[in-house]
Amino acid sequence: MTGHPATRHRGDDAAAASFILGVTGLLVFNLLLGPCAVTLASLSLTRRTHRPLLATLGLTLGLTDLLVLATIGSLDHTLSWHINL
């Protein structure tokens, strides 16, 4: 029995990467990972990925990364944040 290997769409990897970067960006390196997540999600959506929900989540998380950074930065007057224990 011969079968064709599963084909991967060009935007699928970018959708998954944007989601992973968006989630990670909420914890560390929001300034770097947020824009990367937004860019990869946008590329994935323009390439008509087979995973549009994952790309949309990556886009939302990337924008949330930047929003968290802007909010905490405006409260703390710095581009970094930390938790005082």
PDB file of N, CA and C in Angstrom:
ATOM      1  N   MET A   1       0.839  -1.171   0.000  1.00  0.00           N
ATOM      2  CA  MET A   1       0.000   0.000   0.000  1.00  0.00           C
ATOM      3  C   MET A   1       0.886   1.237   0.000  1.00  0.00           C
ATOM      4  N   THR A   2       0.745   2.042  -1.002  1.00  0.00           N
ATOM      5  CA  THR A   2       1.534   3.271  -1.077  1.00  0.00           C
ATOM      6  C   THR A   2       0.618   4.455  -0.842  1.00  0.00           C
ATOM      7  N   GLY A   3       1.097   5.372  -0.063  1.00  0.00           N
ATOM      8  CA  GLY A   3       0.318   6.567   0.229  1.00  0.00           C
ATOM      9  C   GLY A   3       1.171   7.795   0.012  1.00  0.00           C
ATOM     10  N   HIS A   4       0.505   8.865  -0.174  1.00  0.00           N
ATOM     11  CA  HIS A   4       1.222  10.117  -0.334  1.00  0.00           C
ATOM     12  C   HIS A   4       1.517  10.687   1.045  1.00  0.00           C
ATOM     13  N   PRO A   5       2.718  11.184   1.222  1.00  0.00           N
ATOM     14  CA  PRO A   5       3.022  11.793   2.522  1.00  0.00           C
ATOM     15  C   PRO A   5       2.163  13.039   2.732  1.00  0.00           C
ATOM     16  N   ALA A   6       1.870  13.292   3.968  1.00  0.00           N
ATOM     17  CA  ALA A   6       1.059  14.471   4.289  1.00  0.00           C
ATOM     18  C   ALA A   6       1.796  15.728   3.854  1.00  0.00           C
ATOM     19  N   THR A   7       1.110  16.560   3.128  1.00  0.00           N
ATOM     20  CA  THR A   7       1.730  17.805   2.685  1.00  0.00           C
ATOM     21  C   THR A   7       1.526  18.874   3.746  1.00  0.00           C
ATOM     22  N   ARG A   8       2.519  19.692   3.897  1.00  0.00           N
ATOM     23  CA  ARG A   8       2.459  20.778   4.865  1.00  0.00           C
ATOM     24  C   ARG A   8       2.283  22.081   4.118  1.00  0.00           C
ATOM     25  N   HIS A   9       1.475  22.913   4.674  1.00  0.00           N
ATOM     26  CA  HIS A   9       1.217  24.213   4.080  1.00  0.00           C
ATOM     27  C   HIS A   9       2.289  25.191   4.550  1.00  0.00           C
ATOM     28  N   ARG A  10       2.619  26.166   3.714  1.00  0.00           N
ATOM     29  CA  ARG A  10       3.687  27.117   4.040  1.00  0.00           C
ATOM     30  C   ARG A  10       3.422  27.904   5.315  1.00  0.00           C
ATOM     31  N   GLY A  11       2.190  28.225   5.590  1.00  0.00           N
ATOM     32  CA  GLY A  11       1.883  29.059   6.738  1.00  0.00           C
ATOM     33  C   GLY A  11       1.673  28.306   8.037  1.00  0.00           C
ATOM     34  N   ASP A  12       1.619  26.972   7.983  1.00  0.00           N
ATOM     35  CA  ASP A  12       1.321  26.203   9.181  1.00  0.00           C
ATOM     36  C   ASP A  12       2.414  26.307  10.243  1.00  0.00           C
ATOM     37  N   ASP A  13       3.654  26.217   9.834  1.00  0.00           N
ATOM     38  CA  ASP A  13       4.757  26.331  10.796  1.00  0.00           C
ATOM     39  C   ASP A  13       4.819  27.732  11.398  1.00  0.00           C
ATOM     40  N   ALA A  14       4.551  28.728  10.588  1.00  0.00           N
ATOM     41  CA  ALA A  14       4.559  30.104  11.089  1.00  0.00           C
ATOM     42  C   ALA A  14       3.432  30.326  12.096  1.00  0.00           C
ATOM     43  N   ALA A  15       2.282  29.684  11.873  1.00  0.00           N
ATOM     44  CA  ALA A  15       1.163  29.806  12.807  1.00  0.00           C
ATOM     45  C   ALA A  15       1.530  29.198  14.157  1.00  0.00           C
ATOM     46  N   ALA A  16       2.127  28.015  14.121  1.00  0.00           N
ATOM     47  CA  ALA A  16       2.535  27.352  15.363  1.00  0.00           C
ATOM     48  C   ALA A  16       3.622  28.156  16.076  1.00  0.00           C
ATOM     49  N   ALA A  17       4.581  28.662  15.323  1.00  0.00           N
ATOM     50  CA  ALA A  17       5.660  29.451  15.925  1.00  0.00           C
ATOM     51  C   ALA A  17       5.133  30.744  16.539  1.00  0.00           C
ATOM     52  N   SER A  18       4.168  31.383  15.891  1.00  0.00           N
ATOM     53  CA  SER A  18       3.623  32.620  16.439  1.00  0.00           C
ATOM     54  C   SER A  18       2.900  32.361  17.754  1.00  0.00           C
ATOM     55  N   PHE A  19       2.196  31.240  17.844  1.00  0.00           N
ATOM     56  CA  PHE A  19       1.512  30.895  19.081  1.00  0.00           C
ATOM     57  C   PHE A  19       2.514  30.638  20.201  1.00  0.00           C
ATOM     58  N   ILE A  20       3.553  29.873  19.916  1.00  0.00           N
ATOM     59  CA  ILE A  20       4.571  29.554  20.926  1.00  0.00           C
ATOM     60  C   ILE A  20       5.295  30.824  21.372  1.00  0.00           C
ATOM     61  N   LEU A  21       5.653  31.681  20.427  1.00  0.00           N
ATOM     62  CA  LEU A  21       6.332  32.935  20.778  1.00  0.00           C
ATOM     63  C   LEU A  21       5.417  33.863  21.569  1.00  0.00           C
ATOM     64  N   GLY A  22       4.135  33.874  21.219  1.00  0.00           N
ATOM     65  CA  GLY A  22       3.185  34.715  21.949  1.00  0.00           C
ATOM     66  C   GLY A  22       3.024  34.278  23.394  1.00  0.00           C
ATOM     67  N   VAL A  23       2.911  32.978  23.618  1.00  0.00           N
ATOM     68  CA  VAL A  23       2.785  32.465  24.985  1.00  0.00           C
ATOM     69  C   VAL A  23       4.059  32.715  25.770  1.00  0.00           C
ATOM     70  N   THR A  24       5.196  32.431  25.167  1.00  0.00           N
ATOM     71  CA  THR A  24       6.479  32.637  25.843  1.00  0.00           C
ATOM     72  C   THR A  24       6.711  34.114  26.123  1.00  0.00           C
ATOM     73  N   GLY A  25       6.281  34.964  25.222  1.00  0.00           N
ATOM     74  CA  GLY A  25       6.462  36.403  25.384  1.00  0.00           C
ATOM     75  C   GLY A  25       5.703  36.980  26.561  1.00  0.00           C
ATOM     76  N   LEU A  26       4.648  36.306  26.986  1.00  0.00           N
ATOM     77  CA  LEU A  26       3.938  36.781  28.173  1.00  0.00           C
ATOM     78  C   LEU A  26       4.784  36.639  29.427  1.00  0.00           C
ATOM     79  N   LEU A  27       5.722  35.711  29.390  1.00  0.00           N
ATOM     80  CA  LEU A  27       6.558  35.452  30.563  1.00  0.00           C
ATOM     81  C   LEU A  27       7.913  36.153  30.505  1.00  0.00           C
ATOM     82  N   VAL A  28       8.547  36.118  29.358  1.00  0.00           N
ATOM     83  CA  VAL A  28       9.891  36.708  29.213  1.00  0.00           C
ATOM     84  C   VAL A  28      10.023  37.379  27.842  1.00  0.00           C
ATOM     85  N   PHE A  29      10.883  38.368  27.759  1.00  0.00           N
ATOM     86  CA  PHE A  29      11.273  39.014  26.499  1.00  0.00           C
ATOM     87  C   PHE A  29      10.096  39.507  25.656  1.00  0.00           C
ATOM     88  N   ASN A  30       9.113  40.198  26.295  1.00  0.00           N
ATOM     89  CA  ASN A  30       7.954  40.678  25.537  1.00  0.00           C
ATOM     90  C   ASN A  30       8.372  41.609  24.401  1.00  0.00           C
ATOM     91  N   LEU A  31       9.382  42.425  24.624  1.00  0.00           N
ATOM     92  CA  LEU A  31       9.801  43.404  23.624  1.00  0.00           C
ATOM     93  C   LEU A  31      10.304  42.722  22.350  1.00  0.00           C
ATOM     94  N   LEU A  32      10.889  41.559  22.482  1.00  0.00           N
ATOM     95  CA  LEU A  32      11.418  40.818  21.334  1.00  0.00           C
ATOM     96  C   LEU A  32      10.396  39.830  20.769  1.00  0.00           C
ATOM     97  N   LEU A  33       9.776  39.043  21.654  1.00  0.00           N
ATOM     98  CA  LEU A  33       8.912  37.961  21.192  1.00  0.00           C
ATOM     99  C   LEU A  33       7.537  38.434  20.727  1.00  0.00           C
ATOM    100  N   GLY A  34       7.034  39.521  21.294  1.00  0.00           N
ATOM    101  CA  GLY A  34       5.735  40.050  20.875  1.00  0.00           C
ATOM    102  C   GLY A  34       5.696  40.418  19.400  1.00  0.00           C
ATOM    103  N   PRO A  35       6.613  41.281  18.943  1.00  0.00           N
ATOM    104  CA  PRO A  35       6.617  41.626  17.513  1.00  0.00           C
ATOM    105  C   PRO A  35       6.888  40.431  16.602  1.00  0.00           C
ATOM    106  N   CYS A  36       7.717  39.491  17.055  1.00  0.00           N
ATOM    107  CA  CYS A  36       7.968  38.284  16.251  1.00  0.00           C
ATOM    108  C   CYS A  36       6.690  37.468  16.091  1.00  0.00           C
ATOM    109  N   ALA A  37       5.933  37.331  17.175  1.00  0.00           N
ATOM    110  CA  ALA A  37       4.670  36.591  17.116  1.00  0.00           C
ATOM    111  C   ALA A  37       3.674  37.278  16.185  1.00  0.00           C
ATOM    112  N   VAL A  38       3.596  38.594  16.262  1.00  0.00           N
ATOM    113  CA  VAL A  38       2.682  39.349  15.394  1.00  0.00           C
ATOM    114  C   VAL A  38       3.082  39.192  13.927  1.00  0.00           C
ATOM    115  N   THR A  39       4.367  39.288  13.637  1.00  0.00           N
ATOM    116  CA  THR A  39       4.849  39.172  12.265  1.00  0.00           C
ATOM    117  C   THR A  39       4.584  37.783  11.696  1.00  0.00           C
ATOM    118  N   LEU A  40       4.916  36.742  12.453  1.00  0.00           N
ATOM    119  CA  LEU A  40       4.704  35.378  11.966  1.00  0.00           C
ATOM    120  C   LEU A  40       3.221  35.062  11.794  1.00  0.00           C
ATOM    121  N   ALA A  41       2.401  35.539  12.704  1.00  0.00           N
ATOM    122  CA  ALA A  41       0.957  35.308  12.582  1.00  0.00           C
ATOM    123  C   ALA A  41       0.400  36.012  11.352  1.00  0.00           C
ATOM    124  N   SER A  42       0.853  37.238  11.110  1.00  0.00           N
ATOM    125  CA  SER A  42       0.391  37.979   9.934  1.00  0.00           C
ATOM    126  C   SER A  42       0.807  37.286   8.642  1.00  0.00           C
ATOM    127  N   LEU A  43       2.053  36.830   8.594  1.00  0.00           N
ATOM    128  CA  LEU A  43       2.521  36.089   7.413  1.00  0.00           C
ATOM    129  C   LEU A  43       1.716  34.816   7.211  1.00  0.00           C
ATOM    130  N   SER A  44       1.460  34.123   8.282  1.00  0.00           N
ATOM    131  CA  SER A  44       0.705  32.880   8.212  1.00  0.00           C
ATOM    132  C   SER A  44      -0.714  33.112   7.693  1.00  0.00           C
ATOM    133  N   LEU A  45      -1.351  34.169   8.183  1.00  0.00           N
ATOM    134  CA  LEU A  45      -2.715  34.458   7.739  1.00  0.00           C
ATOM    135  C   LEU A  45      -2.764  34.918   6.284  1.00  0.00           C
ATOM    136  N   THR A  46      -1.753  35.665   5.847  1.00  0.00           N
ATOM    137  CA  THR A  46      -1.739  36.094   4.445  1.00  0.00           C
ATOM    138  C   THR A  46      -1.425  34.931   3.506  1.00  0.00           C
ATOM    139  N   ARG A  47      -0.742  33.912   4.012  1.00  0.00           N
ATOM    140  CA  ARG A  47      -0.452  32.723   3.198  1.00  0.00           C
ATOM    141  C   ARG A  47      -1.590  31.697   3.264  1.00  0.00           C
ATOM    142  N   ARG A  48      -2.693  32.070   3.886  1.00  0.00           N
ATOM    143  CA  ARG A  48      -3.878  31.195   3.976  1.00  0.00           C
ATOM    144  C   ARG A  48      -3.546  29.858   4.632  1.00  0.00           C
ATOM    145  N   THR A  49      -3.038  29.933   5.851  1.00  0.00           N
ATOM    146  CA  THR A  49      -2.682  28.731   6.584  1.00  0.00           C
ATOM    147  C   THR A  49      -3.879  27.815   6.793  1.00  0.00           C
ATOM    148  N   HIS A  50      -3.603  26.559   7.006  1.00  0.00           N
ATOM    149  CA  HIS A  50      -4.651  25.601   7.360  1.00  0.00           C
ATOM    150  C   HIS A  50      -4.944  25.659   8.858  1.00  0.00           C
ATOM    151  N   ARG A  51      -4.229  26.478   9.574  1.00  0.00           N
ATOM    152  CA  ARG A  51      -4.414  26.650  11.016  1.00  0.00           C
ATOM    153  C   ARG A  51      -4.715  28.115  11.354  1.00  0.00           C
ATOM    154  N   PRO A  52      -5.822  28.645  10.866  1.00  0.00           N
ATOM    155  CA  PRO A  52      -6.092  30.070  11.097  1.00  0.00           C
ATOM    156  C   PRO A  52      -6.366  30.400  12.566  1.00  0.00           C
ATOM    157  N   LEU A  53      -6.938  29.464  13.319  1.00  0.00           N
ATOM    158  CA  LEU A  53      -7.188  29.718  14.735  1.00  0.00           C
ATOM    159  C   LEU A  53      -5.879  29.855  15.499  1.00  0.00           C
ATOM    160  N   LEU A  54      -4.921  28.994  15.195  1.00  0.00           N
ATOM    161  CA  LEU A  54      -3.610  29.073  15.852  1.00  0.00           C
ATOM    162  C   LEU A  54      -2.900  30.374  15.493  1.00  0.00           C
ATOM    163  N   ALA A  55      -2.995  30.790  14.240  1.00  0.00           N
ATOM    164  CA  ALA A  55      -2.385  32.048  13.817  1.00  0.00           C
ATOM    165  C   ALA A  55      -3.064  33.240  14.484  1.00  0.00           C
ATOM    166  N   THR A  56      -4.385  33.191  14.608  1.00  0.00           N
ATOM    167  CA  THR A  56      -5.118  34.281  15.261  1.00  0.00           C
ATOM    168  C   THR A  56      -4.768  34.348  16.743  1.00  0.00           C
ATOM    169  N   LEU A  57      -4.628  33.200  17.379  1.00  0.00           N
ATOM    170  CA  LEU A  57      -4.196  33.184  18.780  1.00  0.00           C
ATOM    171  C   LEU A  57      -2.785  33.747  18.922  1.00  0.00           C
ATOM    172  N   GLY A  58      -1.897  33.399  18.000  1.00  0.00           N
ATOM    173  CA  GLY A  58      -0.537  33.939  18.026  1.00  0.00           C
ATOM    174  C   GLY A  58      -0.529  35.447  17.854  1.00  0.00           C
ATOM    175  N   LEU A  59      -1.372  35.944  16.957  1.00  0.00           N
ATOM    176  CA  LEU A  59      -1.482  37.389  16.743  1.00  0.00           C
ATOM    177  C   LEU A  59      -2.012  38.077  17.999  1.00  0.00           C
ATOM    178  N   THR A  60      -3.041  37.507  18.589  1.00  0.00           N
ATOM    179  CA  THR A  60      -3.626  38.081  19.802  1.00  0.00           C
ATOM    180  C   THR A  60      -2.642  38.067  20.957  1.00  0.00           C
ATOM    181  N   LEU A  61      -1.938  36.961  21.125  1.00  0.00           N
ATOM    182  CA  LEU A  61      -0.958  36.869  22.206  1.00  0.00           C
ATOM    183  C   LEU A  61       0.215  37.821  21.983  1.00  0.00           C
ATOM    184  N   GLY A  62       0.660  37.964  20.737  1.00  0.00           N
ATOM    185  CA  GLY A  62       1.740  38.893  20.439  1.00  0.00           C
ATOM    186  C   GLY A  62       1.356  40.331  20.756  1.00  0.00           C
ATOM    187  N   LEU A  63       0.126  40.707  20.389  1.00  0.00           N
ATOM    188  CA  LEU A  63      -0.344  42.050  20.716  1.00  0.00           C
ATOM    189  C   LEU A  63      -0.525  42.223  22.220  1.00  0.00           C
ATOM    190  N   THR A  64      -0.950  41.160  22.895  1.00  0.00           N
ATOM    191  CA  THR A  64      -1.079  41.208  24.349  1.00  0.00           C
ATOM    192  C   THR A  64       0.286  41.376  25.004  1.00  0.00           C
ATOM    193  N   ASP A  65       1.305  40.728  24.464  1.00  0.00           N
ATOM    194  CA  ASP A  65       2.680  40.906  24.972  1.00  0.00           C
ATOM    195  C   ASP A  65       3.058  42.380  24.964  1.00  0.00           C
ATOM    196  N   LEU A  66       2.781  43.039  23.849  1.00  0.00           N
ATOM    197  CA  LEU A  66       3.139  44.451  23.731  1.00  0.00           C
ATOM    198  C   LEU A  66       2.281  45.330  24.639  1.00  0.00           C
ATOM    199  N   LEU A  67       1.031  44.964  24.802  1.00  0.00           N
ATOM    200  CA  LEU A  67       0.153  45.704  25.702  1.00  0.00           C
ATOM    201  C   LEU A  67       0.607  45.570  27.154  1.00  0.00           C
ATOM    202  N   VAL A  68       0.975  44.363  27.553  1.00  0.00           N
ATOM    203  CA  VAL A  68       1.489  44.142  28.915  1.00  0.00           C
ATOM    204  C   VAL A  68       2.765  44.945  29.127  1.00  0.00           C
ATOM    205  N   LEU A  69       3.657  44.927  28.152  1.00  0.00           N
ATOM    206  CA  LEU A  69       4.906  45.681  28.262  1.00  0.00           C
ATOM    207  C   LEU A  69       4.631  47.178  28.370  1.00  0.00           C
ATOM    208  N   ALA A  70       3.712  47.693  27.559  1.00  0.00           N
ATOM    209  CA  ALA A  70       3.398  49.123  27.603  1.00  0.00           C
ATOM    210  C   ALA A  70       2.740  49.510  28.918  1.00  0.00           C
ATOM    211  N   THR A  71       1.848  48.656  29.417  1.00  0.00           N
ATOM    212  CA  THR A  71       1.157  48.958  30.672  1.00  0.00           C
ATOM    213  C   THR A  71       2.119  48.955  31.849  1.00  0.00           C
ATOM    214  N   ILE A  72       2.894  47.903  31.955  1.00  0.00           N
ATOM    215  CA  ILE A  72       3.832  47.816  33.082  1.00  0.00           C
ATOM    216  C   ILE A  72       4.933  48.856  32.941  1.00  0.00           C
ATOM    217  N   GLY A  73       5.356  49.109  31.692  1.00  0.00           N
ATOM    218  CA  GLY A  73       6.374  50.130  31.474  1.00  0.00           C
ATOM    219  C   GLY A  73       5.900  51.517  31.853  1.00  0.00           C
ATOM    220  N   SER A  74       4.638  51.812  31.590  1.00  0.00           N
ATOM    221  CA  SER A  74       4.126  53.135  31.950  1.00  0.00           C
ATOM    222  C   SER A  74       3.944  53.274  33.463  1.00  0.00           C
ATOM    223  N   LEU A  75       3.641  52.185  34.128  1.00  0.00           N
ATOM    224  CA  LEU A  75       3.504  52.225  35.582  1.00  0.00           C
ATOM    225  C   LEU A  75       4.853  52.296  36.282  1.00  0.00           C
ATOM    226  N   ASP A  76       5.839  51.607  35.689  1.00  0.00           N
ATOM    227  CA  ASP A  76       7.162  51.491  36.307  1.00  0.00           C
ATOM    228  C   ASP A  76       8.175  52.469  35.698  1.00  0.00           C
ATOM    229  N   HIS A  77       7.812  53.115  34.590  1.00  0.00           N
ATOM    230  CA  HIS A  77       8.686  54.042  33.849  1.00  0.00           C
ATOM    231  C   HIS A  77       9.971  53.363  33.377  1.00  0.00           C
ATOM    232  N   THR A  78       9.853  52.128  32.912  1.00  0.00           N
ATOM    233  CA  THR A  78      10.989  51.391  32.381  1.00  0.00           C
ATOM    234  C   THR A  78      10.493  50.387  31.341  1.00  0.00           C
ATOM    235  N   LEU A  79      11.388  49.832  30.532  1.00  0.00           N
ATOM    236  CA  LEU A  79      11.013  48.830  29.548  1.00  0.00           C
ATOM    237  C   LEU A  79      11.212  47.406  30.061  1.00  0.00           C
ATOM    238  N   SER A  80      11.455  47.247  31.332  1.00  0.00           N
ATOM    239  CA  SER A  80      11.593  45.914  31.916  1.00  0.00           C
ATOM    240  C   SER A  80      10.641  45.800  33.087  1.00  0.00           C
ATOM    241  N   TRP A  81      10.332  44.592  33.469  1.00  0.00           N
ATOM    242  CA  TRP A  81       9.474  44.399  34.618  1.00  0.00           C
ATOM    243  C   TRP A  81       9.948  43.187  35.401  1.00  0.00           C
ATOM    244  N   HIS A  82       9.647  43.185  36.665  1.00  0.00           N
ATOM    245  CA  HIS A  82      10.019  42.071  37.537  1.00  0.00           C
ATOM    246  C   HIS A  82       9.001  41.979  38.674  1.00  0.00           C
ATOM    247  N   ILE A  83       9.025  40.869  39.341  1.00  0.00           N
ATOM    248  CA  ILE A  83       8.112  40.655  40.455  1.00  0.00           C
ATOM    249  C   ILE A  83       8.920  40.736  41.742  1.00  0.00           C
ATOM    250  N   ASN A  84       8.528  41.620  42.622  1.00  0.00           N
ATOM    251  CA  ASN A  84       9.205  41.729  43.916  1.00  0.00           C
ATOM    252  C   ASN A  84       8.628  40.688  44.859  1.00  0.00           C
ATOM    253  N   LEU A  85       9.461  39.825  45.349  1.00  0.00           N
ATOM    254  CA  LEU A  85       9.023  38.804  46.306  1.00  0.00           C
ATOM    255  C   LEU A  85       9.558  39.093  47.684  1.00  0.00           C
TER     256      LEU A  85
END
